[in-house]
Amino acid sequence: CRTSLNVVMSSTHYDPPAPIGQPSYDSSTRATSSSGQTGGGFMERTFPAGCLFGIPIKVHILFPLYMAITTLYGFSGGNPEVGAMRLLLNGPVLFGTVLIHELGHCFATWHVGGVVHQILLWPLGGLAYVGHDGDAGDDLKVSIAGPLTHVPQALTWLGVLAAATGGTGGGTVTLINDGQFGPDLCREAIIINISLFVFNLCVPAYPLDGGRILCASLLLCGVGVSTAATITVIVSGVLSIMIIALGVYFMNVMSIFVGGWVLSKAYELHKINGQGRLDLHPVFSKYADGGGGSYGGGASNLSSAAQFNNAQQ
């Protein structure tokens, strides 16, 4: 079993921040101030990890815990190289890969005239807290930008692999592990980037990037806001169950968590849509006109994918 299979389902997406003067909440029922700063919620249990391009980077407390557990599991088999490989892959390699992905969302947000608040890294991927007042086309650009960063990342690792192997094997670079630590690390990093690219770009389940791409595409095609939300809920619900089922079949705990997370967000969207309050949803708010069924005029984005307005409850 390839080491990278343990991180294939790590997903990333971007989240618009809460507008000034409007409260919001998440499933942990935390309080949020009018400035958009949160206090005490599950997703706020973080520690700072520096600042990059002027963007504060935060790491959730579960990320190092996840890294420690997977590393100990690797060392438990008695092979120190396996443990070291898991440590590097689930630590700096995954951390850097997801960080670059989120930076892609941030740079795209700046490109469309938006603002970037922070980046949060956690075991299921990353969250870029960004917002803009653009249209669905801009939403599409920001959503796609993250997954596209895996193309140059994979090519970079491929170049390092080619240099490390010295063009062995008749000049062919293969992704099949050969027992050499350095080249195998490059191969696993390539597999991670390919997997995250495909998963985030091609799985149209909200709140993953693919789900946001689906939402933006539907709106660009002229589909009504409420109808687009309904389609998103159905597609996300079906895919979440499939992800959970695959996780159970392959005994991949991370896949089960991702599937459960997607299912919970699909249900929240379904609940808001059923109440006719898509104007409170982070993705559909600026397109909805109070009743959630028609286009509105440039309302600010609400909070992250884990957040909705208090009035929604």
C-alpha atoms as a PDB file:
ATOM      1  CA  CYS A   1       0.000   0.000   0.000  1.00  0.00           C
ATOM      2  CA  ARG A   2       1.496   3.366  -1.023  1.00  0.00           C
ATOM      3  CA  THR A   3       2.092   5.779   1.822  1.00  0.00           C
ATOM      4  CA  SER A   4       0.377   8.560  -0.090  1.00  0.00           C
ATOM      5  CA  LEU A   5      -2.964   6.757  -0.016  1.00  0.00           C
ATOM      6  CA  ASN A   6      -3.355   8.019   3.542  1.00  0.00           C
ATOM      7  CA  VAL A   7      -3.556  11.616   2.336  1.00  0.00           C
ATOM      8  CA  VAL A   8      -5.251  11.270  -1.030  1.00  0.00           C
ATOM      9  CA  MET A   9      -8.587  12.462   0.300  1.00  0.00           C
ATOM     10  CA  SER A  10      -7.238  15.568   2.026  1.00  0.00           C
ATOM     11  CA  SER A  11      -9.285  18.351   0.532  1.00  0.00           C
ATOM     12  CA  THR A  12      -8.925  22.066   0.280  1.00  0.00           C
ATOM     13  CA  HIS A  13     -11.216  24.895  -0.561  1.00  0.00           C
ATOM     14  CA  TYR A  14     -11.591  28.618  -0.118  1.00  0.00           C
ATOM     15  CA  ASP A  15     -13.993  30.431   2.171  1.00  0.00           C
ATOM     16  CA  PRO A  16     -15.288  33.997   2.043  1.00  0.00           C
ATOM     17  CA  PRO A  17     -15.048  35.840   5.373  1.00  0.00           C
ATOM     18  CA  ALA A  18     -17.958  37.247   7.322  1.00  0.00           C
ATOM     19  CA  PRO A  19     -18.976  40.758   6.310  1.00  0.00           C
ATOM     20  CA  ILE A  20     -18.420  43.534   8.801  1.00  0.00           C
ATOM     21  CA  GLY A  21     -21.388  44.075  11.048  1.00  0.00           C
ATOM     22  CA  GLN A  22     -23.078  40.700  10.441  1.00  0.00           C
ATOM     23  CA  PRO A  23     -22.845  37.857  12.973  1.00  0.00           C
ATOM     24  CA  SER A  24     -22.267  34.259  11.944  1.00  0.00           C
ATOM     25  CA  TYR A  25     -22.018  30.840  13.483  1.00  0.00           C
ATOM     26  CA  ASP A  26     -20.793  27.356  12.726  1.00  0.00           C
ATOM     27  CA  SER A  27     -21.875  23.915  13.817  1.00  0.00           C
ATOM     28  CA  SER A  28     -19.951  24.319  17.060  1.00  0.00           C
ATOM     29  CA  THR A  29     -22.269  27.274  17.921  1.00  0.00           C
ATOM     30  CA  ARG A  30     -19.347  29.584  18.592  1.00  0.00           C
ATOM     31  CA  ALA A  31     -19.836  33.334  18.838  1.00  0.00           C
ATOM     32  CA  THR A  32     -18.511  35.625  16.137  1.00  0.00           C
ATOM     33  CA  SER A  33     -17.927  39.324  16.619  1.00  0.00           C
ATOM     34  CA  SER A  34     -19.052  41.996  14.203  1.00  0.00           C
ATOM     35  CA  SER A  35     -15.486  42.308  12.945  1.00  0.00           C
ATOM     36  CA  GLY A  36     -15.523  38.711  11.765  1.00  0.00           C
ATOM     37  CA  GLN A  37     -13.198  37.511  14.542  1.00  0.00           C
ATOM     38  CA  THR A  38     -14.302  34.298  16.133  1.00  0.00           C
ATOM     39  CA  GLY A  39     -13.893  33.055  19.641  1.00  0.00           C
ATOM     40  CA  GLY A  40     -13.534  29.612  21.047  1.00  0.00           C
ATOM     41  CA  GLY A  41     -15.002  27.496  18.230  1.00  0.00           C
ATOM     42  CA  PHE A  42     -13.534  24.195  17.085  1.00  0.00           C
ATOM     43  CA  MET A  43     -12.020  25.683  13.942  1.00  0.00           C
ATOM     44  CA  GLU A  44     -10.408  28.468  16.006  1.00  0.00           C
ATOM     45  CA  ARG A  45      -8.290  26.085  18.079  1.00  0.00           C
ATOM     46  CA  THR A  46      -5.176  27.023  16.168  1.00  0.00           C
ATOM     47  CA  PHE A  47      -1.658  28.335  16.629  1.00  0.00           C
ATOM     48  CA  PRO A  48       0.199  30.795  14.390  1.00  0.00           C
ATOM     49  CA  ALA A  49       2.743  29.455  11.905  1.00  0.00           C
ATOM     50  CA  GLY A  50       4.106  32.677  10.499  1.00  0.00           C
ATOM     51  CA  CYS A  51       3.092  35.004   7.710  1.00  0.00           C
ATOM     52  CA  LEU A  52       3.592  34.582   3.943  1.00  0.00           C
ATOM     53  CA  PHE A  53       3.011  37.344   1.364  1.00  0.00           C
ATOM     54  CA  GLY A  54       1.364  39.278   4.160  1.00  0.00           C
ATOM     55  CA  ILE A  55      -1.101  36.438   4.844  1.00  0.00           C
ATOM     56  CA  PRO A  56      -1.247  35.044   8.402  1.00  0.00           C
ATOM     57  CA  ILE A  57      -0.813  31.261   8.427  1.00  0.00           C
ATOM     58  CA  LYS A  58      -2.496  29.281  11.186  1.00  0.00           C
ATOM     59  CA  VAL A  59      -2.385  25.560  11.946  1.00  0.00           C
ATOM     60  CA  HIS A  60      -5.169  23.681  13.684  1.00  0.00           C
ATOM     61  CA  ILE A  61      -4.111  21.769  16.780  1.00  0.00           C
ATOM     62  CA  LEU A  62      -5.268  18.516  15.157  1.00  0.00           C
ATOM     63  CA  PHE A  63      -2.736  18.829  12.324  1.00  0.00           C
ATOM     64  CA  PRO A  64       0.373  17.999  14.413  1.00  0.00           C
ATOM     65  CA  LEU A  65      -1.670  15.360  16.232  1.00  0.00           C
ATOM     66  CA  TYR A  66      -2.553  13.740  12.902  1.00  0.00           C
ATOM     67  CA  MET A  67       1.086  13.931  11.851  1.00  0.00           C
ATOM     68  CA  ALA A  68       2.237  12.317  15.114  1.00  0.00           C
ATOM     69  CA  ILE A  69      -0.289   9.468  14.912  1.00  0.00           C
ATOM     70  CA  THR A  70       0.544   8.603  11.289  1.00  0.00           C
ATOM     71  CA  THR A  71       4.266   8.781  12.036  1.00  0.00           C
ATOM     72  CA  LEU A  72       4.003   6.507  15.072  1.00  0.00           C
ATOM     73  CA  TYR A  73       1.951   4.091  12.988  1.00  0.00           C
ATOM     74  CA  GLY A  74       4.737   4.060  10.413  1.00  0.00           C
ATOM     75  CA  PHE A  75       7.423   3.373  13.000  1.00  0.00           C
ATOM     76  CA  SER A  76       5.296   0.694  14.684  1.00  0.00           C
ATOM     77  CA  GLY A  77       6.052  -1.738  11.884  1.00  0.00           C
ATOM     78  CA  GLY A  78       9.705  -1.887  12.875  1.00  0.00           C
ATOM     79  CA  ASN A  79      10.994  -0.227   9.703  1.00  0.00           C
ATOM     80  CA  PRO A  80      12.426   3.221  10.523  1.00  0.00           C
ATOM     81  CA  GLU A  81      12.426   4.231   6.850  1.00  0.00           C
ATOM     82  CA  VAL A  82       8.650   3.779   6.667  1.00  0.00           C
ATOM     83  CA  GLY A  83       8.217   5.918   9.751  1.00  0.00           C
ATOM     84  CA  ALA A  84      10.536   8.596   8.381  1.00  0.00           C
ATOM     85  CA  MET A  85       8.685   8.534   5.064  1.00  0.00           C
ATOM     86  CA  ARG A  86       5.328   9.018   6.784  1.00  0.00           C
ATOM     87  CA  LEU A  87       6.772  11.811   8.911  1.00  0.00           C
ATOM     88  CA  LEU A  88       7.981  13.732   5.858  1.00  0.00           C
ATOM     89  CA  LEU A  89       4.915  13.057   3.713  1.00  0.00           C
ATOM     90  CA  ASN A  90       2.285  13.848   6.345  1.00  0.00           C
ATOM     91  CA  GLY A  91       4.345  16.732   7.711  1.00  0.00           C
ATOM     92  CA  PRO A  92       6.360  19.141   5.545  1.00  0.00           C
ATOM     93  CA  VAL A  93       5.363  17.678   2.161  1.00  0.00           C
ATOM     94  CA  LEU A  94       1.612  17.720   2.828  1.00  0.00           C
ATOM     95  CA  PHE A  95       1.883  21.022   4.720  1.00  0.00           C
ATOM     96  CA  GLY A  96       3.714  22.680   1.839  1.00  0.00           C
ATOM     97  CA  THR A  97       1.462  21.175  -0.818  1.00  0.00           C
ATOM     98  CA  VAL A  98      -1.749  22.351   0.830  1.00  0.00           C
ATOM     99  CA  LEU A  99      -0.244  25.751   1.658  1.00  0.00           C
ATOM    100  CA  ILE A 100       0.649  26.376  -1.991  1.00  0.00           C
ATOM    101  CA  HIS A 101      -2.861  25.241  -2.984  1.00  0.00           C
ATOM    102  CA  GLU A 102      -4.412  27.803  -0.625  1.00  0.00           C
ATOM    103  CA  LEU A 103      -2.026  30.491  -1.858  1.00  0.00           C
ATOM    104  CA  GLY A 104      -3.421  29.812  -5.323  1.00  0.00           C
ATOM    105  CA  HIS A 105      -6.882  30.749  -4.037  1.00  0.00           C
ATOM    106  CA  CYS A 106      -5.441  33.834  -2.332  1.00  0.00           C
ATOM    107  CA  PHE A 107      -3.578  35.090  -5.407  1.00  0.00           C
ATOM    108  CA  ALA A 108      -6.690  34.552  -7.547  1.00  0.00           C
ATOM    109  CA  THR A 109      -8.733  36.503  -5.002  1.00  0.00           C
ATOM    110  CA  TRP A 110      -6.326  39.412  -5.207  1.00  0.00           C
ATOM    111  CA  HIS A 111      -6.489  39.171  -8.996  1.00  0.00           C
ATOM    112  CA  VAL A 112     -10.273  39.718  -8.961  1.00  0.00           C
ATOM    113  CA  GLY A 113      -9.986  42.582  -6.487  1.00  0.00           C
ATOM    114  CA  GLY A 114     -10.851  40.688  -3.318  1.00  0.00           C
ATOM    115  CA  VAL A 115      -9.342  40.548   0.151  1.00  0.00           C
ATOM    116  CA  VAL A 116      -7.443  37.788   1.947  1.00  0.00           C
ATOM    117  CA  HIS A 117      -7.663  37.380   5.720  1.00  0.00           C
ATOM    118  CA  GLN A 118      -5.749  34.207   6.592  1.00  0.00           C
ATOM    119  CA  ILE A 119      -4.965  30.594   5.732  1.00  0.00           C
ATOM    120  CA  LEU A 120      -5.790  27.728   8.063  1.00  0.00           C
ATOM    121  CA  LEU A 121      -4.282  24.251   7.694  1.00  0.00           C
ATOM    122  CA  TRP A 122      -5.970  21.267   9.303  1.00  0.00           C
ATOM    123  CA  PRO A 123      -5.975  17.463   8.820  1.00  0.00           C
ATOM    124  CA  LEU A 124      -8.677  17.537   6.118  1.00  0.00           C
ATOM    125  CA  GLY A 125      -6.807  20.109   4.045  1.00  0.00           C
ATOM    126  CA  GLY A 126      -6.777  23.895   4.117  1.00  0.00           C
ATOM    127  CA  LEU A 127      -9.047  26.905   4.381  1.00  0.00           C
ATOM    128  CA  ALA A 128      -8.239  30.234   2.750  1.00  0.00           C
ATOM    129  CA  TYR A 129     -10.381  32.942   4.321  1.00  0.00           C
ATOM    130  CA  VAL A 130     -10.982  35.230   1.365  1.00  0.00           C
ATOM    131  CA  GLY A 131     -13.787  37.301  -0.094  1.00  0.00           C
ATOM    132  CA  HIS A 132     -14.605  39.370  -3.167  1.00  0.00           C
ATOM    133  CA  ASP A 133     -17.528  41.242  -4.694  1.00  0.00           C
ATOM    134  CA  GLY A 134     -17.140  39.741  -8.167  1.00  0.00           C
ATOM    135  CA  ASP A 135     -19.576  37.619 -10.127  1.00  0.00           C
ATOM    136  CA  ALA A 136     -19.821  33.862 -10.644  1.00  0.00           C
ATOM    137  CA  GLY A 137     -16.999  34.060 -13.182  1.00  0.00           C
ATOM    138  CA  ASP A 138     -14.716  35.403 -10.475  1.00  0.00           C
ATOM    139  CA  ASP A 139     -15.910  32.676  -8.107  1.00  0.00           C
ATOM    140  CA  LEU A 140     -14.933  30.143 -10.778  1.00  0.00           C
ATOM    141  CA  LYS A 141     -11.458  31.660 -11.144  1.00  0.00           C
ATOM    142  CA  VAL A 142     -10.808  31.594  -7.408  1.00  0.00           C
ATOM    143  CA  SER A 143     -12.099  28.016  -7.075  1.00  0.00           C
ATOM    144  CA  ILE A 144     -10.010  26.650  -9.946  1.00  0.00           C
ATOM    145  CA  ALA A 145      -6.824  28.454  -8.934  1.00  0.00           C
ATOM    146  CA  GLY A 146      -6.153  26.175  -5.963  1.00  0.00           C
ATOM    147  CA  PRO A 147      -6.225  22.800  -7.762  1.00  0.00           C
ATOM    148  CA  LEU A 148      -4.212  24.208 -10.691  1.00  0.00           C
ATOM    149  CA  THR A 149      -1.235  24.778  -8.367  1.00  0.00           C
ATOM    150  CA  HIS A 150      -0.749  21.008  -8.217  1.00  0.00           C
ATOM    151  CA  VAL A 151       0.364  20.961 -11.854  1.00  0.00           C
ATOM    152  CA  PRO A 152       3.601  22.936 -11.337  1.00  0.00           C
ATOM    153  CA  GLN A 153       4.091  21.237  -7.968  1.00  0.00           C
ATOM    154  CA  ALA A 154       3.926  17.780  -9.548  1.00  0.00           C
ATOM    155  CA  LEU A 155       6.228  18.854 -12.384  1.00  0.00           C
ATOM    156  CA  THR A 156       8.733  20.223  -9.866  1.00  0.00           C
ATOM    157  CA  TRP A 157       8.791  16.954  -7.955  1.00  0.00           C
ATOM    158  CA  LEU A 158       9.091  15.109 -11.267  1.00  0.00           C
ATOM    159  CA  GLY A 159      12.153  17.187 -12.119  1.00  0.00           C
ATOM    160  CA  VAL A 160      13.691  16.434  -8.725  1.00  0.00           C
ATOM    161  CA  LEU A 161      12.942  12.731  -9.232  1.00  0.00           C
ATOM    162  CA  ALA A 162      14.594  12.754 -12.654  1.00  0.00           C
ATOM    163  CA  ALA A 163      17.656  14.447 -11.197  1.00  0.00           C
ATOM    164  CA  ALA A 164      17.780  12.049  -8.236  1.00  0.00           C
ATOM    165  CA  THR A 165      17.561   8.925 -10.384  1.00  0.00           C
ATOM    166  CA  GLY A 166      19.981  10.250 -12.993  1.00  0.00           C
ATOM    167  CA  GLY A 167      17.800   9.073 -15.832  1.00  0.00           C
ATOM    168  CA  THR A 168      18.132   5.414 -14.850  1.00  0.00           C
ATOM    169  CA  GLY A 169      15.923   2.738 -16.282  1.00  0.00           C
ATOM    170  CA  GLY A 170      16.628   3.527 -19.928  1.00  0.00           C
ATOM    171  CA  GLY A 171      15.890   7.221 -19.453  1.00  0.00           C
ATOM    172  CA  THR A 172      12.366   6.537 -18.164  1.00  0.00           C
ATOM    173  CA  VAL A 173      11.134   8.056 -14.911  1.00  0.00           C
ATOM    174  CA  THR A 174       8.659   5.749 -13.197  1.00  0.00           C
ATOM    175  CA  LEU A 175       6.299   6.319 -10.283  1.00  0.00           C
ATOM    176  CA  ILE A 176       6.822   2.784  -9.009  1.00  0.00           C
ATOM    177  CA  ASN A 177       8.774   2.760  -5.748  1.00  0.00           C
ATOM    178  CA  ASP A 178      12.168   1.082  -5.949  1.00  0.00           C
ATOM    179  CA  GLY A 179      13.233   1.162  -2.301  1.00  0.00           C
ATOM    180  CA  GLN A 180      15.431   4.253  -2.571  1.00  0.00           C
ATOM    181  CA  PHE A 181      14.308   6.727   0.084  1.00  0.00           C
ATOM    182  CA  GLY A 182      14.871  10.002  -1.773  1.00  0.00           C
ATOM    183  CA  PRO A 183      13.378   8.988  -5.131  1.00  0.00           C
ATOM    184  CA  ASP A 184      10.473   7.228  -3.384  1.00  0.00           C
ATOM    185  CA  LEU A 185       9.743  10.409  -1.446  1.00  0.00           C
ATOM    186  CA  CYS A 186       9.552  12.310  -4.748  1.00  0.00           C
ATOM    187  CA  ARG A 187       7.251   9.673  -6.221  1.00  0.00           C
ATOM    188  CA  GLU A 188       4.904   9.835  -3.254  1.00  0.00           C
ATOM    189  CA  ALA A 189       4.847  13.647  -3.452  1.00  0.00           C
ATOM    190  CA  ILE A 190       3.929  13.421  -7.137  1.00  0.00           C
ATOM    191  CA  ILE A 191       1.122  10.977  -6.347  1.00  0.00           C
ATOM    192  CA  ILE A 192      -0.167  13.320  -3.623  1.00  0.00           C
ATOM    193  CA  ASN A 193      -0.281  16.254  -6.036  1.00  0.00           C
ATOM    194  CA  ILE A 194      -1.973  14.264  -8.791  1.00  0.00           C
ATOM    195  CA  SER A 195      -4.522  12.900  -6.322  1.00  0.00           C
ATOM    196  CA  LEU A 196      -5.327  16.308  -4.850  1.00  0.00           C
ATOM    197  CA  PHE A 197      -5.592  17.824  -8.322  1.00  0.00           C
ATOM    198  CA  VAL A 198      -8.062  15.199  -9.514  1.00  0.00           C
ATOM    199  CA  PHE A 199     -10.026  15.022  -6.262  1.00  0.00           C
ATOM    200  CA  ASN A 200     -10.464  18.774  -5.821  1.00  0.00           C
ATOM    201  CA  LEU A 201     -11.069  19.601  -9.467  1.00  0.00           C
ATOM    202  CA  CYS A 202     -13.167  16.638 -10.558  1.00  0.00           C
ATOM    203  CA  VAL A 203     -15.307  15.809  -7.499  1.00  0.00           C
ATOM    204  CA  PRO A 204     -18.186  18.350  -7.598  1.00  0.00           C
ATOM    205  CA  ALA A 205     -19.099  18.052  -3.928  1.00  0.00           C
ATOM    206  CA  TYR A 206     -19.598  21.204  -1.865  1.00  0.00           C
ATOM    207  CA  PRO A 207     -17.653  22.575   0.010  1.00  0.00           C
ATOM    208  CA  LEU A 208     -14.728  21.081  -1.925  1.00  0.00           C
ATOM    209  CA  ASP A 209     -13.294  23.123  -4.770  1.00  0.00           C
ATOM    210  CA  GLY A 210     -15.147  20.951  -7.272  1.00  0.00           C
ATOM    211  CA  GLY A 211     -18.444  21.749  -5.554  1.00  0.00           C
ATOM    212  CA  ARG A 212     -17.734  25.464  -5.710  1.00  0.00           C
ATOM    213  CA  ILE A 213     -16.821  25.091  -9.375  1.00  0.00           C
ATOM    214  CA  LEU A 214     -20.169  23.352  -9.891  1.00  0.00           C
ATOM    215  CA  CYS A 215     -22.037  26.193  -8.135  1.00  0.00           C
ATOM    216  CA  ALA A 216     -20.300  28.890 -10.166  1.00  0.00           C
ATOM    217  CA  SER A 217     -20.788  26.984 -13.432  1.00  0.00           C
ATOM    218  CA  LEU A 218     -24.504  26.529 -12.821  1.00  0.00           C
ATOM    219  CA  LEU A 219     -24.941  30.238 -12.093  1.00  0.00           C
ATOM    220  CA  LEU A 220     -22.920  31.177 -15.177  1.00  0.00           C
ATOM    221  CA  CYS A 221     -25.230  28.977 -17.253  1.00  0.00           C
ATOM    222  CA  GLY A 222     -28.234  30.953 -16.019  1.00  0.00           C
ATOM    223  CA  VAL A 223     -29.594  28.381 -13.572  1.00  0.00           C
ATOM    224  CA  GLY A 224     -31.653  29.956 -10.791  1.00  0.00           C
ATOM    225  CA  VAL A 225     -29.985  30.347  -7.419  1.00  0.00           C
ATOM    226  CA  SER A 226     -32.352  28.046  -5.542  1.00  0.00           C
ATOM    227  CA  THR A 227     -32.209  25.432  -8.312  1.00  0.00           C
ATOM    228  CA  ALA A 228     -28.409  25.611  -8.347  1.00  0.00           C
ATOM    229  CA  ALA A 229     -28.372  25.083  -4.590  1.00  0.00           C
ATOM    230  CA  THR A 230     -30.712  22.084  -4.902  1.00  0.00           C
ATOM    231  CA  ILE A 231     -28.518  20.504  -7.578  1.00  0.00           C
ATOM    232  CA  THR A 232     -25.447  21.130  -5.434  1.00  0.00           C
ATOM    233  CA  VAL A 233     -27.094  19.457  -2.439  1.00  0.00           C
ATOM    234  CA  ILE A 234     -28.118  16.361  -4.421  1.00  0.00           C
ATOM    235  CA  VAL A 235     -24.733  15.929  -6.099  1.00  0.00           C
ATOM    236  CA  SER A 236     -22.833  16.577  -2.876  1.00  0.00           C
ATOM    237  CA  GLY A 237     -25.030  14.220  -0.880  1.00  0.00           C
ATOM    238  CA  VAL A 238     -24.592  11.341  -3.323  1.00  0.00           C
ATOM    239  CA  LEU A 239     -20.841  11.881  -3.621  1.00  0.00           C
ATOM    240  CA  SER A 240     -20.386  12.162   0.145  1.00  0.00           C
ATOM    241  CA  ILE A 241     -22.039   8.780   0.655  1.00  0.00           C
ATOM    242  CA  MET A 242     -19.801   7.305  -2.048  1.00  0.00           C
ATOM    243  CA  ILE A 243     -16.706   8.793  -0.385  1.00  0.00           C
ATOM    244  CA  ILE A 244     -17.735   7.338   2.970  1.00  0.00           C
ATOM    245  CA  ALA A 245     -18.433   3.946   1.396  1.00  0.00           C
ATOM    246  CA  LEU A 246     -15.040   3.907  -0.318  1.00  0.00           C
ATOM    247  CA  GLY A 247     -13.407   4.928   2.937  1.00  0.00           C
ATOM    248  CA  VAL A 248     -15.048   2.025   4.745  1.00  0.00           C
ATOM    249  CA  TYR A 249     -14.171  -0.415   1.953  1.00  0.00           C
ATOM    250  CA  PHE A 250     -10.505   0.607   1.838  1.00  0.00           C
ATOM    251  CA  MET A 251     -10.382   1.251   5.618  1.00  0.00           C
ATOM    252  CA  ASN A 252      -9.295   4.843   4.998  1.00  0.00           C
ATOM    253  CA  VAL A 253     -10.305   6.908   8.025  1.00  0.00           C
ATOM    254  CA  MET A 254      -9.543  10.237   6.367  1.00  0.00           C
ATOM    255  CA  SER A 255     -11.919   9.447   3.506  1.00  0.00           C
ATOM    256  CA  ILE A 256     -14.680   8.700   5.995  1.00  0.00           C
ATOM    257  CA  PHE A 257     -14.104  12.024   7.754  1.00  0.00           C
ATOM    258  CA  VAL A 258     -14.064  13.942   4.464  1.00  0.00           C
ATOM    259  CA  GLY A 259     -17.272  12.227   3.343  1.00  0.00           C
ATOM    260  CA  GLY A 260     -18.970  12.995   6.643  1.00  0.00           C
ATOM    261  CA  TRP A 261     -17.844  16.617   6.473  1.00  0.00           C
ATOM    262  CA  VAL A 262     -19.177  17.005   2.914  1.00  0.00           C
ATOM    263  CA  LEU A 263     -22.484  15.371   3.913  1.00  0.00           C
ATOM    264  CA  SER A 264     -22.907  17.744   6.867  1.00  0.00           C
ATOM    265  CA  LYS A 265     -22.290  20.800   4.671  1.00  0.00           C
ATOM    266  CA  ALA A 266     -24.715  19.497   2.042  1.00  0.00           C
ATOM    267  CA  TYR A 267     -27.356  19.147   4.745  1.00  0.00           C
ATOM    268  CA  GLU A 268     -26.716  22.683   5.999  1.00  0.00           C
ATOM    269  CA  LEU A 269     -27.127  24.016   2.456  1.00  0.00           C
ATOM    270  CA  HIS A 270     -30.327  21.978   2.072  1.00  0.00           C
ATOM    271  CA  LYS A 271     -31.692  23.422   5.317  1.00  0.00           C
ATOM    272  CA  ILE A 272     -30.921  27.013   4.342  1.00  0.00           C
ATOM    273  CA  ASN A 273     -32.372  26.525   0.861  1.00  0.00           C
ATOM    274  CA  GLY A 274     -35.510  24.981   2.327  1.00  0.00           C
ATOM    275  CA  GLN A 275     -35.965  28.033   4.539  1.00  0.00           C
ATOM    276  CA  GLY A 276     -35.602  30.297   1.518  1.00  0.00           C
ATOM    277  CA  ARG A 277     -32.597  32.019   3.091  1.00  0.00           C
ATOM    278  CA  LEU A 278     -29.792  31.479   0.610  1.00  0.00           C
ATOM    279  CA  ASP A 279     -28.932  35.118   1.225  1.00  0.00           C
ATOM    280  CA  LEU A 280     -27.306  33.791   4.407  1.00  0.00           C
ATOM    281  CA  HIS A 281     -25.115  31.207   2.672  1.00  0.00           C
ATOM    282  CA  PRO A 282     -21.392  31.919   2.037  1.00  0.00           C
ATOM    283  CA  VAL A 283     -21.535  30.869  -1.610  1.00  0.00           C
ATOM    284  CA  PHE A 284     -25.015  31.966  -2.699  1.00  0.00           C
ATOM    285  CA  SER A 285     -25.522  35.056  -0.515  1.00  0.00           C
ATOM    286  CA  LYS A 286     -24.552  37.687  -3.075  1.00  0.00           C
ATOM    287  CA  TYR A 287     -26.712  36.073  -5.766  1.00  0.00           C
ATOM    288  CA  ALA A 288     -29.824  35.636  -3.649  1.00  0.00           C
ATOM    289  CA  ASP A 289     -32.393  38.355  -3.032  1.00  0.00           C
ATOM    290  CA  GLY A 290     -33.692  37.566   0.458  1.00  0.00           C
ATOM    291  CA  GLY A 291     -35.785  34.607  -0.687  1.00  0.00           C
ATOM    292  CA  GLY A 292     -32.889  32.676  -2.168  1.00  0.00           C
ATOM    293  CA  GLY A 293     -34.444  32.267  -5.575  1.00  0.00           C
ATOM    294  CA  SER A 294     -33.280  35.192  -7.653  1.00  0.00           C
ATOM    295  CA  TYR A 295     -30.182  37.174  -8.417  1.00  0.00           C
ATOM    296  CA  GLY A 296     -29.388  40.011  -6.077  1.00  0.00           C
ATOM    297  CA  GLY A 297     -27.062  42.955  -6.351  1.00  0.00           C
ATOM    298  CA  GLY A 298     -23.535  42.503  -5.114  1.00  0.00           C
ATOM    299  CA  ALA A 299     -24.075  41.597  -1.484  1.00  0.00           C
ATOM    300  CA  SER A 300     -20.929  40.845   0.509  1.00  0.00           C
ATOM    301  CA  ASN A 301     -19.906  37.238   1.032  1.00  0.00           C
ATOM    302  CA  LEU A 302     -20.654  35.644   4.355  1.00  0.00           C
ATOM    303  CA  SER A 303     -18.313  33.550   6.441  1.00  0.00           C
ATOM    304  CA  SER A 304     -16.461  30.314   5.792  1.00  0.00           C
ATOM    305  CA  ALA A 305     -17.842  26.991   4.612  1.00  0.00           C
ATOM    306  CA  ALA A 306     -18.313  26.066   8.255  1.00  0.00           C
ATOM    307  CA  GLN A 307     -20.313  29.202   8.970  1.00  0.00           C
ATOM    308  CA  PHE A 308     -23.799  30.592   8.445  1.00  0.00           C
ATOM    309  CA  ASN A 309     -25.747  33.510   9.859  1.00  0.00           C
ATOM    310  CA  ASN A 310     -27.413  33.205  13.273  1.00  0.00           C
ATOM    311  CA  ALA A 311     -30.796  33.922  11.695  1.00  0.00           C
ATOM    312  CA  GLN A 312     -30.531  30.645   9.788  1.00  0.00           C
ATOM    313  CA  GLN A 313     -31.033  28.509  12.882  1.00  0.00           C
END
